[in-house]
């Protein structure tokens, strides 16, 4: 991977800390770290998509809305590009591919840009962070992007969580989606099922069939969770059915055990339950359970027991 991504060099800056600056909110950041930082107008044909951009699906309706906006008002925010030497075009998009695509659809020949000096790894990092912070990625695309940060940048999950401003559990859960079959990943990427649906399908052998049911029957996340519970025999309906059909066995306590429970309850001021049975080896085993309703009662029990 090192050869594909270029020569590994010590990083002189952490892009995760300054995405807002890169996106144009702080020109001082660009002036400090890039020589060609002024806004320029470039021909759209000189520019190409970022090969490392985790975003692969662009919603046609959203793209049409942006295209109409650009026709009416133009591109209000410049895109970020970097110079590349190994592509059929001169500039590669770092952030703003949707604006570039919409500009082409709008019939624009040029687009406002800011040229930044980034290597392959830094360009990948910015592409991921920009999309995650703007919530432009599907859950699968985000998982792929975060996985790239971990695999290619040697990030820990804690590092990733800090960079994207999410919790460690969020990162862990979204990375689990990468274990899903490709058919389900595609449904998530195209918005046909949600990330919640996908999480409910994790670990299911019939996950693809269930995913098709979600689409065909327009099932909610709660619906599919109930179906999964039923298949595992642990749904509320299944439990109620078993309780009605399975014979119940009630253990009868001896008079001596009941009397002992009463005496202990009087002494401790709490309900006492004794579970006792003789063993096959001639000994005995069991348990004593104490129940309390308030914290004061619990502290009273502790005092009685000498704790």
C-alpha atoms as a PDB file:
ATOM      1  CA  UNK A   1       0.000   0.000   0.000  1.00  0.00           C
ATOM      2  CA  UNK A   2       2.946   2.311   0.646  1.00  0.00           C
ATOM      3  CA  UNK A   3       3.955   2.139  -3.040  1.00  0.00           C
ATOM      4  CA  UNK A   4       0.416   2.870  -4.205  1.00  0.00           C
ATOM      5  CA  UNK A   5      -0.004   5.825  -1.906  1.00  0.00           C
ATOM      6  CA  UNK A   6       3.474   7.241  -2.488  1.00  0.00           C
ATOM      7  CA  UNK A   7       6.584   7.501  -0.359  1.00  0.00           C
ATOM      8  CA  UNK A   8       5.897   7.569   3.356  1.00  0.00           C
ATOM      9  CA  UNK A   9       7.150  10.805   4.884  1.00  0.00           C
ATOM     10  CA  UNK A  10       6.756  12.205   8.363  1.00  0.00           C
ATOM     11  CA  UNK A  11       3.573  14.246   8.505  1.00  0.00           C
ATOM     12  CA  UNK A  12       4.159  17.924   9.142  1.00  0.00           C
ATOM     13  CA  UNK A  13       0.520  18.741   9.848  1.00  0.00           C
ATOM     14  CA  UNK A  14      -2.657  17.039  10.995  1.00  0.00           C
ATOM     15  CA  UNK A  15      -5.407  17.878   8.539  1.00  0.00           C
ATOM     16  CA  UNK A  16      -8.156  16.683  10.816  1.00  0.00           C
ATOM     17  CA  UNK A  17      -7.580  19.669  13.049  1.00  0.00           C
ATOM     18  CA  UNK A  18      -8.013  22.223  10.261  1.00  0.00           C
ATOM     19  CA  UNK A  19     -10.657  21.122   7.780  1.00  0.00           C
ATOM     20  CA  UNK A  20     -12.658  24.327   8.215  1.00  0.00           C
ATOM     21  CA  UNK A  21      -9.533  26.236   7.301  1.00  0.00           C
ATOM     22  CA  UNK A  22      -9.007  24.122   4.218  1.00  0.00           C
ATOM     23  CA  UNK A  23     -12.608  24.685   3.199  1.00  0.00           C
ATOM     24  CA  UNK A  24     -12.024  28.419   3.023  1.00  0.00           C
ATOM     25  CA  UNK A  25     -13.043  29.691   6.458  1.00  0.00           C
ATOM     26  CA  UNK A  26      -9.454  30.671   7.259  1.00  0.00           C
ATOM     27  CA  UNK A  27      -7.359  31.908   4.376  1.00  0.00           C
ATOM     28  CA  UNK A  28      -4.441  32.407   6.760  1.00  0.00           C
ATOM     29  CA  UNK A  29      -4.109  28.609   7.036  1.00  0.00           C
ATOM     30  CA  UNK A  30      -3.814  28.303   3.276  1.00  0.00           C
ATOM     31  CA  UNK A  31      -1.381  31.217   2.998  1.00  0.00           C
ATOM     32  CA  UNK A  32       0.776  29.665   5.695  1.00  0.00           C
ATOM     33  CA  UNK A  33       0.958  26.154   4.275  1.00  0.00           C
ATOM     34  CA  UNK A  34       0.530  26.539   0.499  1.00  0.00           C
ATOM     35  CA  UNK A  35       2.281  28.643  -2.099  1.00  0.00           C
ATOM     36  CA  UNK A  36      -0.559  28.723  -4.642  1.00  0.00           C
ATOM     37  CA  UNK A  37      -3.448  29.373  -2.303  1.00  0.00           C
ATOM     38  CA  UNK A  38      -5.306  32.193  -4.035  1.00  0.00           C
ATOM     39  CA  UNK A  39      -8.642  31.449  -5.612  1.00  0.00           C
ATOM     40  CA  UNK A  40      -8.297  30.676  -9.312  1.00  0.00           C
ATOM     41  CA  UNK A  41     -10.713  29.937 -12.121  1.00  0.00           C
ATOM     42  CA  UNK A  42      -9.886  26.663 -13.854  1.00  0.00           C
ATOM     43  CA  UNK A  43     -11.357  24.883 -16.833  1.00  0.00           C
ATOM     44  CA  UNK A  44     -13.510  21.946 -15.680  1.00  0.00           C
ATOM     45  CA  UNK A  45     -11.777  19.732 -18.263  1.00  0.00           C
ATOM     46  CA  UNK A  46      -8.442  20.258 -16.524  1.00  0.00           C
ATOM     47  CA  UNK A  47      -9.871  18.715 -13.349  1.00  0.00           C
ATOM     48  CA  UNK A  48     -10.567  15.087 -12.421  1.00  0.00           C
ATOM     49  CA  UNK A  49     -12.189  13.215  -9.533  1.00  0.00           C
ATOM     50  CA  UNK A  50     -10.236  12.187  -6.442  1.00  0.00           C
ATOM     51  CA  UNK A  51      -9.251   8.537  -6.900  1.00  0.00           C
ATOM     52  CA  UNK A  52      -9.305   8.053  -3.117  1.00  0.00           C
ATOM     53  CA  UNK A  53     -12.632   9.747  -2.410  1.00  0.00           C
ATOM     54  CA  UNK A  54     -14.746   7.303  -0.345  1.00  0.00           C
ATOM     55  CA  UNK A  55     -17.893   8.788  -1.829  1.00  0.00           C
ATOM     56  CA  UNK A  56     -19.019   6.700  -4.799  1.00  0.00           C
ATOM     57  CA  UNK A  57     -22.747   7.410  -5.050  1.00  0.00           C
ATOM     58  CA  UNK A  58     -24.187  10.819  -5.879  1.00  0.00           C
ATOM     59  CA  UNK A  59     -27.951  11.056  -5.433  1.00  0.00           C
ATOM     60  CA  UNK A  60     -29.385  12.159  -8.814  1.00  0.00           C
ATOM     61  CA  UNK A  61     -32.095  14.322  -7.240  1.00  0.00           C
ATOM     62  CA  UNK A  62     -29.644  16.128  -4.964  1.00  0.00           C
ATOM     63  CA  UNK A  63     -27.244  16.611  -7.857  1.00  0.00           C
ATOM     64  CA  UNK A  64     -30.063  18.056  -9.977  1.00  0.00           C
ATOM     65  CA  UNK A  65     -30.983  20.516  -7.211  1.00  0.00           C
ATOM     66  CA  UNK A  66     -27.355  21.669  -6.985  1.00  0.00           C
ATOM     67  CA  UNK A  67     -27.130  21.916 -10.774  1.00  0.00           C
ATOM     68  CA  UNK A  68     -30.186  24.192 -10.866  1.00  0.00           C
ATOM     69  CA  UNK A  69     -28.723  26.297  -8.071  1.00  0.00           C
ATOM     70  CA  UNK A  70     -25.450  26.707  -9.966  1.00  0.00           C
ATOM     71  CA  UNK A  71     -27.327  27.674 -13.128  1.00  0.00           C
ATOM     72  CA  UNK A  72     -29.121  30.383 -11.163  1.00  0.00           C
ATOM     73  CA  UNK A  73     -26.437  31.598  -8.754  1.00  0.00           C
ATOM     74  CA  UNK A  74     -23.144  30.025  -9.830  1.00  0.00           C
ATOM     75  CA  UNK A  75     -20.678  28.143  -7.612  1.00  0.00           C
ATOM     76  CA  UNK A  76     -20.656  30.012  -4.303  1.00  0.00           C
ATOM     77  CA  UNK A  77     -17.719  28.178  -2.723  1.00  0.00           C
ATOM     78  CA  UNK A  78     -14.513  27.180  -4.530  1.00  0.00           C
ATOM     79  CA  UNK A  79     -13.494  23.543  -4.679  1.00  0.00           C
ATOM     80  CA  UNK A  80     -10.099  22.329  -3.446  1.00  0.00           C
ATOM     81  CA  UNK A  81      -7.710  20.729  -5.941  1.00  0.00           C
ATOM     82  CA  UNK A  82      -4.091  19.624  -6.040  1.00  0.00           C
ATOM     83  CA  UNK A  83      -1.641  19.234  -8.900  1.00  0.00           C
ATOM     84  CA  UNK A  84      -1.085  15.641 -10.062  1.00  0.00           C
ATOM     85  CA  UNK A  85       1.504  14.307 -12.490  1.00  0.00           C
ATOM     86  CA  UNK A  86       0.274  10.775 -13.091  1.00  0.00           C
ATOM     87  CA  UNK A  87      -3.252  11.405 -14.359  1.00  0.00           C
ATOM     88  CA  UNK A  88      -4.785  12.378 -17.695  1.00  0.00           C
ATOM     89  CA  UNK A  89      -5.740  15.730 -16.171  1.00  0.00           C
ATOM     90  CA  UNK A  90      -3.716  18.420 -14.391  1.00  0.00           C
ATOM     91  CA  UNK A  91      -5.681  18.856 -11.166  1.00  0.00           C
ATOM     92  CA  UNK A  92      -7.294  16.294  -8.877  1.00  0.00           C
ATOM     93  CA  UNK A  93     -10.223  17.248  -6.649  1.00  0.00           C
ATOM     94  CA  UNK A  94      -9.502  17.147  -2.927  1.00  0.00           C
ATOM     95  CA  UNK A  95     -12.921  18.371  -1.797  1.00  0.00           C
ATOM     96  CA  UNK A  96     -15.966  19.525  -3.740  1.00  0.00           C
ATOM     97  CA  UNK A  97     -16.518  16.793  -6.321  1.00  0.00           C
ATOM     98  CA  UNK A  98     -20.308  17.235  -6.196  1.00  0.00           C
ATOM     99  CA  UNK A  99     -19.969  20.933  -7.068  1.00  0.00           C
ATOM    100  CA  UNK A 100     -17.670  20.014  -9.962  1.00  0.00           C
ATOM    101  CA  UNK A 101     -20.089  17.395 -11.308  1.00  0.00           C
ATOM    102  CA  UNK A 102     -23.038  19.776 -10.988  1.00  0.00           C
ATOM    103  CA  UNK A 103     -21.077  22.539 -12.733  1.00  0.00           C
ATOM    104  CA  UNK A 104     -20.477  20.262 -15.720  1.00  0.00           C
ATOM    105  CA  UNK A 105     -24.195  19.363 -15.798  1.00  0.00           C
ATOM    106  CA  UNK A 106     -24.999  23.069 -15.619  1.00  0.00           C
ATOM    107  CA  UNK A 107     -22.913  23.639 -18.767  1.00  0.00           C
ATOM    108  CA  UNK A 108     -20.197  25.602 -16.994  1.00  0.00           C
ATOM    109  CA  UNK A 109     -16.764  25.595 -18.633  1.00  0.00           C
ATOM    110  CA  UNK A 110     -14.927  26.914 -15.582  1.00  0.00           C
ATOM    111  CA  UNK A 111     -15.130  26.602 -11.815  1.00  0.00           C
ATOM    112  CA  UNK A 112     -13.595  28.595  -8.921  1.00  0.00           C
ATOM    113  CA  UNK A 113     -10.838  26.630  -7.183  1.00  0.00           C
ATOM    114  CA  UNK A 114      -8.155  26.826  -4.546  1.00  0.00           C
ATOM    115  CA  UNK A 115      -5.001  24.827  -5.228  1.00  0.00           C
ATOM    116  CA  UNK A 116      -3.544  23.118  -2.149  1.00  0.00           C
ATOM    117  CA  UNK A 117      -0.232  21.336  -1.715  1.00  0.00           C
ATOM    118  CA  UNK A 118      -1.101  17.869  -0.391  1.00  0.00           C
ATOM    119  CA  UNK A 119       0.382  14.421  -0.864  1.00  0.00           C
ATOM    120  CA  UNK A 120      -1.714  11.309  -1.530  1.00  0.00           C
ATOM    121  CA  UNK A 121      -2.267  10.481   2.121  1.00  0.00           C
ATOM    122  CA  UNK A 122      -3.261  14.007   3.066  1.00  0.00           C
ATOM    123  CA  UNK A 123      -5.635  14.228   0.102  1.00  0.00           C
ATOM    124  CA  UNK A 124      -7.334  11.016   1.226  1.00  0.00           C
ATOM    125  CA  UNK A 125      -7.635  12.279   4.790  1.00  0.00           C
ATOM    126  CA  UNK A 126      -9.228  15.565   3.717  1.00  0.00           C
ATOM    127  CA  UNK A 127     -11.646  13.790   1.356  1.00  0.00           C
ATOM    128  CA  UNK A 128     -12.847  11.506   4.146  1.00  0.00           C
ATOM    129  CA  UNK A 129     -13.115  14.179   6.810  1.00  0.00           C
ATOM    130  CA  UNK A 130     -14.799  16.686   4.520  1.00  0.00           C
ATOM    131  CA  UNK A 131     -17.499  14.205   3.543  1.00  0.00           C
ATOM    132  CA  UNK A 132     -18.020  12.871   7.074  1.00  0.00           C
ATOM    133  CA  UNK A 133     -18.309  16.329   8.622  1.00  0.00           C
ATOM    134  CA  UNK A 134     -20.754  17.435   5.950  1.00  0.00           C
ATOM    135  CA  UNK A 135     -22.743  14.174   6.295  1.00  0.00           C
ATOM    136  CA  UNK A 136     -22.535  13.549   2.554  1.00  0.00           C
ATOM    137  CA  UNK A 137     -21.522   9.890   2.853  1.00  0.00           C
ATOM    138  CA  UNK A 138     -23.692   6.831   3.178  1.00  0.00           C
ATOM    139  CA  UNK A 139     -22.934   4.672   6.199  1.00  0.00           C
ATOM    140  CA  UNK A 140     -21.044   2.187   4.002  1.00  0.00           C
ATOM    141  CA  UNK A 141     -18.994   4.877   2.274  1.00  0.00           C
ATOM    142  CA  UNK A 142     -18.167   6.351   5.662  1.00  0.00           C
ATOM    143  CA  UNK A 143     -17.147   2.929   6.973  1.00  0.00           C
ATOM    144  CA  UNK A 144     -14.892   2.405   3.960  1.00  0.00           C
ATOM    145  CA  UNK A 145     -13.329   5.820   4.451  1.00  0.00           C
ATOM    146  CA  UNK A 146     -12.721   5.316   8.162  1.00  0.00           C
ATOM    147  CA  UNK A 147     -11.276   1.907   7.396  1.00  0.00           C
ATOM    148  CA  UNK A 148      -8.842   3.566   5.013  1.00  0.00           C
ATOM    149  CA  UNK A 149      -7.718   5.946   7.723  1.00  0.00           C
ATOM    150  CA  UNK A 150      -7.006   2.987   9.992  1.00  0.00           C
ATOM    151  CA  UNK A 151      -5.342   0.766   7.396  1.00  0.00           C
ATOM    152  CA  UNK A 152      -3.407   3.354   5.404  1.00  0.00           C
ATOM    153  CA  UNK A 153      -2.654   5.947   8.070  1.00  0.00           C
ATOM    154  CA  UNK A 154      -2.218   3.540  11.010  1.00  0.00           C
ATOM    155  CA  UNK A 155      -4.941   5.375  12.942  1.00  0.00           C
ATOM    156  CA  UNK A 156      -6.497   3.780  15.983  1.00  0.00           C
ATOM    157  CA  UNK A 157     -10.270   3.873  16.382  1.00  0.00           C
ATOM    158  CA  UNK A 158      -9.772   6.496  19.097  1.00  0.00           C
ATOM    159  CA  UNK A 159      -7.765   8.628  16.644  1.00  0.00           C
ATOM    160  CA  UNK A 160     -10.497   8.369  14.030  1.00  0.00           C
ATOM    161  CA  UNK A 161     -13.198   9.252  16.564  1.00  0.00           C
ATOM    162  CA  UNK A 162     -11.344  12.425  17.551  1.00  0.00           C
ATOM    163  CA  UNK A 163     -10.714  13.484  13.957  1.00  0.00           C
ATOM    164  CA  UNK A 164     -14.349  13.147  12.825  1.00  0.00           C
ATOM    165  CA  UNK A 165     -15.816  14.351  16.112  1.00  0.00           C
ATOM    166  CA  UNK A 166     -17.674  11.128  16.906  1.00  0.00           C
ATOM    167  CA  UNK A 167     -17.569   8.654  19.800  1.00  0.00           C
ATOM    168  CA  UNK A 168     -15.386   5.543  19.824  1.00  0.00           C
ATOM    169  CA  UNK A 169     -18.525   3.347  19.901  1.00  0.00           C
ATOM    170  CA  UNK A 170     -19.836   5.155  16.800  1.00  0.00           C
ATOM    171  CA  UNK A 171     -16.644   4.304  14.918  1.00  0.00           C
ATOM    172  CA  UNK A 172     -16.692   0.689  16.100  1.00  0.00           C
ATOM    173  CA  UNK A 173     -20.336   0.175  15.118  1.00  0.00           C
ATOM    174  CA  UNK A 174     -20.031   1.736  11.689  1.00  0.00           C
ATOM    175  CA  UNK A 175     -16.915  -0.308  10.859  1.00  0.00           C
ATOM    176  CA  UNK A 176     -18.917  -3.480  11.594  1.00  0.00           C
ATOM    177  CA  UNK A 177     -21.032  -2.707   8.510  1.00  0.00           C
ATOM    178  CA  UNK A 178     -18.070  -3.661   6.333  1.00  0.00           C
ATOM    179  CA  UNK A 179     -18.762  -7.291   7.283  1.00  0.00           C
ATOM    180  CA  UNK A 180     -22.091  -7.243   5.427  1.00  0.00           C
ATOM    181  CA  UNK A 181     -22.489  -8.922   2.006  1.00  0.00           C
ATOM    182  CA  UNK A 182     -21.861  -6.658  -0.993  1.00  0.00           C
ATOM    183  CA  UNK A 183     -25.526  -6.817  -2.027  1.00  0.00           C
ATOM    184  CA  UNK A 184     -26.548  -5.217   1.264  1.00  0.00           C
ATOM    185  CA  UNK A 185     -23.768  -2.632   1.116  1.00  0.00           C
ATOM    186  CA  UNK A 186     -25.069  -1.500  -2.270  1.00  0.00           C
ATOM    187  CA  UNK A 187     -28.591  -1.124  -0.881  1.00  0.00           C
ATOM    188  CA  UNK A 188     -27.243   1.101   1.903  1.00  0.00           C
ATOM    189  CA  UNK A 189     -25.116   3.155  -0.506  1.00  0.00           C
ATOM    190  CA  UNK A 190     -28.111   3.868  -2.732  1.00  0.00           C
ATOM    191  CA  UNK A 191     -30.354   4.700   0.217  1.00  0.00           C
ATOM    192  CA  UNK A 192     -32.744   1.779  -0.296  1.00  0.00           C
ATOM    193  CA  UNK A 193     -32.166   0.579   3.263  1.00  0.00           C
ATOM    194  CA  UNK A 194     -30.836   2.519   6.239  1.00  0.00           C
ATOM    195  CA  UNK A 195     -27.796   1.963   8.426  1.00  0.00           C
ATOM    196  CA  UNK A 196     -30.206   0.871  11.171  1.00  0.00           C
ATOM    197  CA  UNK A 197     -31.589  -1.827   8.895  1.00  0.00           C
ATOM    198  CA  UNK A 198     -28.066  -2.924   8.033  1.00  0.00           C
ATOM    199  CA  UNK A 199     -27.013  -3.196  11.682  1.00  0.00           C
ATOM    200  CA  UNK A 200     -30.026  -5.435  12.368  1.00  0.00           C
ATOM    201  CA  UNK A 201     -28.815  -7.774   9.611  1.00  0.00           C
ATOM    202  CA  UNK A 202     -25.280  -8.205  10.933  1.00  0.00           C
ATOM    203  CA  UNK A 203     -24.395 -11.829  11.572  1.00  0.00           C
ATOM    204  CA  UNK A 204     -27.539 -13.198   9.936  1.00  0.00           C
ATOM    205  CA  UNK A 205     -27.033 -16.088   7.493  1.00  0.00           C
ATOM    206  CA  UNK A 206     -30.125 -15.028   5.552  1.00  0.00           C
ATOM    207  CA  UNK A 207     -29.195 -11.334   5.643  1.00  0.00           C
ATOM    208  CA  UNK A 208     -29.538 -10.831   1.872  1.00  0.00           C
ATOM    209  CA  UNK A 209     -33.046 -12.341   1.817  1.00  0.00           C
ATOM    210  CA  UNK A 210     -34.049 -10.167   4.763  1.00  0.00           C
ATOM    211  CA  UNK A 211     -32.657  -7.097   3.020  1.00  0.00           C
ATOM    212  CA  UNK A 212     -34.796  -7.832  -0.027  1.00  0.00           C
ATOM    213  CA  UNK A 213     -37.842  -8.097   2.253  1.00  0.00           C
ATOM    214  CA  UNK A 214     -37.019  -4.689   3.724  1.00  0.00           C
ATOM    215  CA  UNK A 215     -37.097  -3.158   0.239  1.00  0.00           C
ATOM    216  CA  UNK A 216     -40.074  -5.102  -1.141  1.00  0.00           C
ATOM    217  CA  UNK A 217     -42.259  -4.819   1.968  1.00  0.00           C
ATOM    218  CA  UNK A 218     -41.005  -1.390   3.095  1.00  0.00           C
ATOM    219  CA  UNK A 219     -40.193  -2.761   6.539  1.00  0.00           C
ATOM    220  CA  UNK A 220     -39.071  -0.453   9.337  1.00  0.00           C
ATOM    221  CA  UNK A 221     -36.012  -1.112  11.467  1.00  0.00           C
ATOM    222  CA  UNK A 222     -38.326  -2.221  14.264  1.00  0.00           C
ATOM    223  CA  UNK A 223     -40.076  -4.636  11.889  1.00  0.00           C
ATOM    224  CA  UNK A 224     -36.850  -6.312  10.838  1.00  0.00           C
ATOM    225  CA  UNK A 225     -35.584  -6.472  14.418  1.00  0.00           C
ATOM    226  CA  UNK A 226     -38.765  -8.326  15.409  1.00  0.00           C
ATOM    227  CA  UNK A 227     -38.408 -10.715  12.469  1.00  0.00           C
ATOM    228  CA  UNK A 228     -34.820 -11.453  13.523  1.00  0.00           C
ATOM    229  CA  UNK A 229     -35.930 -12.066  17.113  1.00  0.00           C
ATOM    230  CA  UNK A 230     -38.669 -14.433  15.919  1.00  0.00           C
ATOM    231  CA  UNK A 231     -36.182 -16.390  13.828  1.00  0.00           C
ATOM    232  CA  UNK A 232     -33.927 -16.698  16.840  1.00  0.00           C
ATOM    233  CA  UNK A 233     -36.851 -17.777  19.006  1.00  0.00           C
ATOM    234  CA  UNK A 234     -36.508 -14.868  21.392  1.00  0.00           C
ATOM    235  CA  UNK A 235     -39.265 -12.495  20.319  1.00  0.00           C
ATOM    236  CA  UNK A 236     -42.057 -11.402  22.632  1.00  0.00           C
ATOM    237  CA  UNK A 237     -44.530 -13.327  20.472  1.00  0.00           C
ATOM    238  CA  UNK A 238     -42.446 -16.485  20.477  1.00  0.00           C
ATOM    239  CA  UNK A 239     -41.941 -16.276  24.209  1.00  0.00           C
ATOM    240  CA  UNK A 240     -45.650 -15.856  24.840  1.00  0.00           C
ATOM    241  CA  UNK A 241     -46.409 -18.815  22.575  1.00  0.00           C
ATOM    242  CA  UNK A 242     -43.948 -21.056  24.406  1.00  0.00           C
ATOM    243  CA  UNK A 243     -45.321 -20.008  27.765  1.00  0.00           C
ATOM    244  CA  UNK A 244     -48.816 -21.084  26.661  1.00  0.00           C
ATOM    245  CA  UNK A 245     -47.752 -24.444  25.225  1.00  0.00           C
ATOM    246  CA  UNK A 246     -44.924 -25.534  27.508  1.00  0.00           C
ATOM    247  CA  UNK A 247     -45.940 -27.140  30.816  1.00  0.00           C
ATOM    248  CA  UNK A 248     -44.964 -25.124  33.842  1.00  0.00           C
ATOM    249  CA  UNK A 249     -43.203 -26.834  36.723  1.00  0.00           C
ATOM    250  CA  UNK A 250     -43.622 -25.335  40.157  1.00  0.00           C
ATOM    251  CA  UNK A 251     -41.152 -26.371  42.820  1.00  0.00           C
ATOM    252  CA  UNK A 252     -42.888 -27.085  46.175  1.00  0.00           C
ATOM    253  CA  UNK A 253     -40.869 -25.996  49.219  1.00  0.00           C
ATOM    254  CA  UNK A 254     -40.941 -28.043  52.389  1.00  0.00           C
ATOM    255  CA  UNK A 255     -42.601 -26.750  55.568  1.00  0.00           C
ATOM    256  CA  UNK A 256     -39.178 -26.473  57.235  1.00  0.00           C
ATOM    257  CA  UNK A 257     -37.848 -24.279  54.401  1.00  0.00           C
ATOM    258  CA  UNK A 258     -40.889 -22.016  54.505  1.00  0.00           C
ATOM    259  CA  UNK A 259     -40.568 -21.648  58.287  1.00  0.00           C
ATOM    260  CA  UNK A 260     -36.894 -20.785  57.969  1.00  0.00           C
ATOM    261  CA  UNK A 261     -37.683 -18.145  55.337  1.00  0.00           C
ATOM    262  CA  UNK A 262     -40.245 -16.583  57.701  1.00  0.00           C
ATOM    263  CA  UNK A 263     -37.834 -16.473  60.642  1.00  0.00           C
ATOM    264  CA  UNK A 264     -35.028 -14.932  58.585  1.00  0.00           C
ATOM    265  CA  UNK A 265     -37.451 -12.372  57.152  1.00  0.00           C
ATOM    266  CA  UNK A 266     -38.483 -11.338  60.668  1.00  0.00           C
ATOM    267  CA  UNK A 267     -34.863 -11.030  61.799  1.00  0.00           C
ATOM    268  CA  UNK A 268     -33.601  -9.114  58.744  1.00  0.00           C
ATOM    269  CA  UNK A 269     -36.724  -7.073  58.018  1.00  0.00           C
ATOM    270  CA  UNK A 270     -36.653  -8.101  54.357  1.00  0.00           C
ATOM    271  CA  UNK A 271     -38.113 -10.793  52.137  1.00  0.00           C
ATOM    272  CA  UNK A 272     -35.976 -13.942  52.158  1.00  0.00           C
ATOM    273  CA  UNK A 273     -36.099 -16.739  49.554  1.00  0.00           C
ATOM    274  CA  UNK A 274     -34.275 -20.027  50.096  1.00  0.00           C
ATOM    275  CA  UNK A 275     -33.539 -22.357  47.202  1.00  0.00           C
ATOM    276  CA  UNK A 276     -32.370 -25.697  48.600  1.00  0.00           C
ATOM    277  CA  UNK A 277     -31.973 -29.189  47.258  1.00  0.00           C
ATOM    278  CA  UNK A 278     -30.175 -32.407  48.159  1.00  0.00           C
ATOM    279  CA  UNK A 279     -27.386 -33.496  45.842  1.00  0.00           C
ATOM    280  CA  UNK A 280     -26.838 -36.983  44.453  1.00  0.00           C
ATOM    281  CA  UNK A 281     -23.657 -37.348  46.519  1.00  0.00           C
ATOM    282  CA  UNK A 282     -25.476 -36.979  49.789  1.00  0.00           C
ATOM    283  CA  UNK A 283     -24.624 -33.335  50.391  1.00  0.00           C
ATOM    284  CA  UNK A 284     -26.776 -30.278  49.794  1.00  0.00           C
ATOM    285  CA  UNK A 285     -26.569 -26.992  47.928  1.00  0.00           C
ATOM    286  CA  UNK A 286     -28.710 -23.948  47.471  1.00  0.00           C
ATOM    287  CA  UNK A 287     -28.922 -20.173  47.784  1.00  0.00           C
ATOM    288  CA  UNK A 288     -30.459 -17.480  49.954  1.00  0.00           C
ATOM    289  CA  UNK A 289     -31.811 -14.351  48.255  1.00  0.00           C
ATOM    290  CA  UNK A 290     -32.601 -11.105  50.060  1.00  0.00           C
ATOM    291  CA  UNK A 291     -34.917  -8.539  48.494  1.00  0.00           C
ATOM    292  CA  UNK A 292     -34.969  -4.815  49.306  1.00  0.00           C
ATOM    293  CA  UNK A 293     -37.080  -1.957  47.987  1.00  0.00           C
ATOM    294  CA  UNK A 294     -35.184   1.143  49.082  1.00  0.00           C
ATOM    295  CA  UNK A 295     -31.603   2.236  49.626  1.00  0.00           C
ATOM    296  CA  UNK A 296     -32.310   2.666  53.333  1.00  0.00           C
ATOM    297  CA  UNK A 297     -33.481  -0.942  53.530  1.00  0.00           C
ATOM    298  CA  UNK A 298     -30.354  -2.078  51.704  1.00  0.00           C
ATOM    299  CA  UNK A 299     -28.114  -0.216  54.163  1.00  0.00           C
ATOM    300  CA  UNK A 300     -30.103  -1.711  57.036  1.00  0.00           C
ATOM    301  CA  UNK A 301     -29.445  -5.223  55.646  1.00  0.00           C
ATOM    302  CA  UNK A 302     -25.748  -4.494  55.338  1.00  0.00           C
ATOM    303  CA  UNK A 303     -25.688  -3.342  58.951  1.00  0.00           C
ATOM    304  CA  UNK A 304     -27.512  -6.486  60.072  1.00  0.00           C
ATOM    305  CA  UNK A 305     -25.060  -8.672  58.187  1.00  0.00           C
ATOM    306  CA  UNK A 306     -22.112  -6.888  59.724  1.00  0.00           C
ATOM    307  CA  UNK A 307     -20.854  -5.249  56.513  1.00  0.00           C
END
